[in-house]
Amino acid sequence: MDAIWCDRCGGAVEDGTHDACRLARTLEPPRFCPWCRRRLKVQVLPAGWSAACVEHGTSIGDHATR
């Protein structure tokens, strides 16, 4: 399943390059679900982050791999 929404700003992926969003995502967790554009419930911890969408479930990230 390809993402149709930017997971940082919530805009359509096909609208522009989202270079600033990609750069910011190297340091930040996602804020929007890339499949349904819902706002995510984000929890940031010292070891990483988790972002949950009520429709599509939870994603987990590690600060070291970003």
N, C-alpha and C. Protein backbone atom coordinates (compact mmCIF):
# COMPACT_ATOMS: atom_id res chain seq x y z
N MET A 1 0.85 -1.18 0.00
CA MET A 1 0.00 0.00 0.00
C MET A 1 0.89 1.24 0.00
N ASP A 2 0.77 2.07 -1.01
CA ASP A 2 1.57 3.30 -1.09
C ASP A 2 0.89 4.43 -0.32
N ALA A 3 1.71 5.22 0.34
CA ALA A 3 1.20 6.38 1.08
C ALA A 3 0.69 7.43 0.10
N ILE A 4 -0.45 8.01 0.42
CA ILE A 4 -0.99 9.08 -0.44
C ILE A 4 -0.97 10.43 0.27
N TRP A 5 -0.69 10.42 1.57
CA TRP A 5 -0.63 11.65 2.36
C TRP A 5 0.74 11.76 3.02
N CYS A 6 1.26 12.97 3.15
CA CYS A 6 2.52 13.21 3.85
C CYS A 6 2.30 12.95 5.34
N ASP A 7 3.19 12.17 5.95
CA ASP A 7 3.02 11.84 7.37
C ASP A 7 3.48 12.94 8.31
N ARG A 8 3.98 14.03 7.77
CA ARG A 8 4.37 15.17 8.62
C ARG A 8 3.37 16.31 8.53
N CYS A 9 3.04 16.76 7.31
CA CYS A 9 2.15 17.92 7.17
C CYS A 9 0.71 17.54 6.84
N GLY A 10 0.48 16.31 6.40
CA GLY A 10 -0.87 15.88 6.07
C GLY A 10 -1.31 16.23 4.66
N GLY A 11 -0.44 16.87 3.89
CA GLY A 11 -0.78 17.22 2.51
C GLY A 11 -0.63 16.03 1.58
N ALA A 12 -1.21 16.14 0.39
CA ALA A 12 -1.11 15.07 -0.59
C ALA A 12 0.34 14.90 -1.03
N VAL A 13 0.80 13.65 -1.11
CA VAL A 13 2.19 13.36 -1.49
C VAL A 13 2.48 13.88 -2.89
N GLU A 14 1.51 13.82 -3.77
CA GLU A 14 1.72 14.26 -5.15
C GLU A 14 1.77 15.78 -5.32
N ASP A 15 1.41 16.54 -4.28
CA ASP A 15 1.46 18.01 -4.33
C ASP A 15 2.80 18.50 -3.81
N GLY A 16 3.74 18.76 -4.68
CA GLY A 16 5.04 19.28 -4.28
C GLY A 16 6.01 18.18 -3.90
N THR A 17 7.18 18.60 -3.46
CA THR A 17 8.25 17.64 -3.17
C THR A 17 8.31 17.22 -1.71
N HIS A 18 7.79 18.02 -0.81
CA HIS A 18 7.81 17.75 0.62
C HIS A 18 9.24 17.57 1.14
N ASP A 19 10.20 18.29 0.55
CA ASP A 19 11.60 18.21 0.98
C ASP A 19 11.76 18.60 2.45
N ALA A 20 11.10 19.67 2.87
CA ALA A 20 11.19 20.11 4.26
C ALA A 20 10.60 19.07 5.20
N CYS A 21 9.54 18.42 4.77
CA CYS A 21 8.92 17.37 5.59
C CYS A 21 9.86 16.18 5.74
N ARG A 22 10.48 15.77 4.63
CA ARG A 22 11.43 14.65 4.68
C ARG A 22 12.61 14.95 5.59
N LEU A 23 13.10 16.17 5.52
CA LEU A 23 14.21 16.58 6.38
C LEU A 23 13.80 16.58 7.85
N ALA A 24 12.63 17.13 8.14
CA ALA A 24 12.15 17.17 9.53
C ALA A 24 11.90 15.77 10.07
N ARG A 25 11.45 14.85 9.22
CA ARG A 25 11.16 13.49 9.67
C ARG A 25 12.40 12.70 10.07
N THR A 26 13.58 13.20 9.73
CA THR A 26 14.79 12.54 10.21
C THR A 26 14.95 12.71 11.72
N LEU A 27 14.29 13.73 12.28
CA LEU A 27 14.39 14.01 13.71
C LEU A 27 13.07 13.86 14.46
N GLU A 28 11.94 13.86 13.75
CA GLU A 28 10.62 13.86 14.38
C GLU A 28 9.82 12.62 14.02
N PRO A 29 8.89 12.22 14.89
CA PRO A 29 7.98 11.13 14.54
C PRO A 29 6.91 11.63 13.55
N PRO A 30 6.18 10.73 12.91
CA PRO A 30 5.11 11.15 12.01
C PRO A 30 3.98 11.81 12.80
N ARG A 31 3.22 12.66 12.14
CA ARG A 31 2.09 13.34 12.79
C ARG A 31 0.75 12.98 12.17
N PHE A 32 0.75 12.52 10.92
CA PHE A 32 -0.48 12.14 10.22
C PHE A 32 -0.33 10.74 9.66
N CYS A 33 -1.43 9.99 9.59
CA CYS A 33 -1.41 8.67 8.97
C CYS A 33 -1.24 8.85 7.46
N PRO A 34 -0.26 8.19 6.85
CA PRO A 34 -0.02 8.36 5.42
C PRO A 34 -1.08 7.70 4.54
N TRP A 35 -1.98 6.89 5.11
CA TRP A 35 -3.00 6.22 4.32
C TRP A 35 -4.39 6.84 4.46
N CYS A 36 -4.70 7.44 5.62
CA CYS A 36 -6.05 8.00 5.79
C CYS A 36 -6.06 9.47 6.23
N ARG A 37 -4.89 10.04 6.48
CA ARG A 37 -4.73 11.46 6.84
C ARG A 37 -5.25 11.81 8.24
N ARG A 38 -5.55 10.80 9.03
CA ARG A 38 -5.96 11.08 10.41
C ARG A 38 -4.75 11.55 11.22
N ARG A 39 -5.01 12.37 12.20
CA ARG A 39 -3.97 12.81 13.13
C ARG A 39 -3.57 11.61 13.99
N LEU A 40 -2.28 11.40 14.19
CA LEU A 40 -1.79 10.27 14.97
C LEU A 40 -1.64 10.62 16.44
N LYS A 41 -1.82 9.62 17.30
CA LYS A 41 -1.51 9.77 18.72
C LYS A 41 -0.05 9.38 18.87
N VAL A 42 0.81 10.36 19.15
CA VAL A 42 2.26 10.15 19.17
C VAL A 42 2.78 10.18 20.60
N GLN A 43 3.64 9.21 20.92
CA GLN A 43 4.32 9.19 22.21
C GLN A 43 5.82 9.13 21.94
N VAL A 44 6.55 10.11 22.47
CA VAL A 44 7.99 10.17 22.30
C VAL A 44 8.66 9.74 23.61
N LEU A 45 9.56 8.79 23.48
CA LEU A 45 10.30 8.24 24.62
C LEU A 45 11.79 8.44 24.38
N PRO A 46 12.62 8.31 25.41
CA PRO A 46 14.07 8.46 25.20
C PRO A 46 14.65 7.50 24.16
N ALA A 47 14.10 6.30 24.06
CA ALA A 47 14.63 5.30 23.13
C ALA A 47 13.98 5.33 21.75
N GLY A 48 12.92 6.09 21.57
CA GLY A 48 12.23 6.11 20.27
C GLY A 48 10.86 6.74 20.38
N TRP A 49 9.94 6.30 19.53
CA TRP A 49 8.60 6.85 19.51
C TRP A 49 7.61 5.79 19.03
N SER A 50 6.33 6.04 19.31
CA SER A 50 5.25 5.24 18.75
C SER A 50 4.18 6.21 18.26
N ALA A 51 3.55 5.86 17.16
CA ALA A 51 2.49 6.69 16.57
C ALA A 51 1.34 5.78 16.21
N ALA A 52 0.15 6.06 16.75
CA ALA A 52 -1.00 5.19 16.56
C ALA A 52 -2.11 5.88 15.78
N CYS A 53 -2.62 5.16 14.77
CA CYS A 53 -3.79 5.58 14.01
C CYS A 53 -4.93 4.66 14.43
N VAL A 54 -6.12 5.21 14.68
CA VAL A 54 -7.24 4.39 15.12
C VAL A 54 -7.67 3.41 14.03
N GLU A 55 -7.40 3.71 12.78
CA GLU A 55 -7.79 2.85 11.66
C GLU A 55 -6.69 1.87 11.25
N HIS A 56 -5.42 2.29 11.29
CA HIS A 56 -4.33 1.50 10.72
C HIS A 56 -3.31 0.98 11.72
N GLY A 57 -3.50 1.21 12.99
CA GLY A 57 -2.62 0.63 14.00
C GLY A 57 -1.44 1.50 14.37
N THR A 58 -0.44 0.86 14.99
CA THR A 58 0.70 1.56 15.59
C THR A 58 1.98 1.34 14.79
N SER A 59 2.76 2.41 14.65
CA SER A 59 4.10 2.35 14.08
C SER A 59 5.07 2.69 15.20
N ILE A 60 6.22 2.05 15.20
CA ILE A 60 7.23 2.28 16.24
C ILE A 60 8.53 2.65 15.55
N GLY A 61 9.20 3.68 16.07
CA GLY A 61 10.47 4.12 15.51
C GLY A 61 11.54 4.22 16.57
N ASP A 62 12.77 4.14 16.10
CA ASP A 62 13.94 4.20 16.97
C ASP A 62 14.72 5.47 16.59
N HIS A 63 15.04 6.31 17.54
CA HIS A 63 15.77 7.54 17.24
C HIS A 63 17.10 7.27 16.54
N ALA A 64 17.73 6.16 16.86
CA ALA A 64 19.04 5.85 16.28
C ALA A 64 18.97 5.51 14.79
N THR A 65 17.83 4.99 14.34
CA THR A 65 17.71 4.58 12.93
C THR A 65 17.17 5.69 12.05
N ARG A 66 16.77 6.79 12.59
CA ARG A 66 16.20 7.88 11.79
C ARG A 66 17.25 8.80 11.36
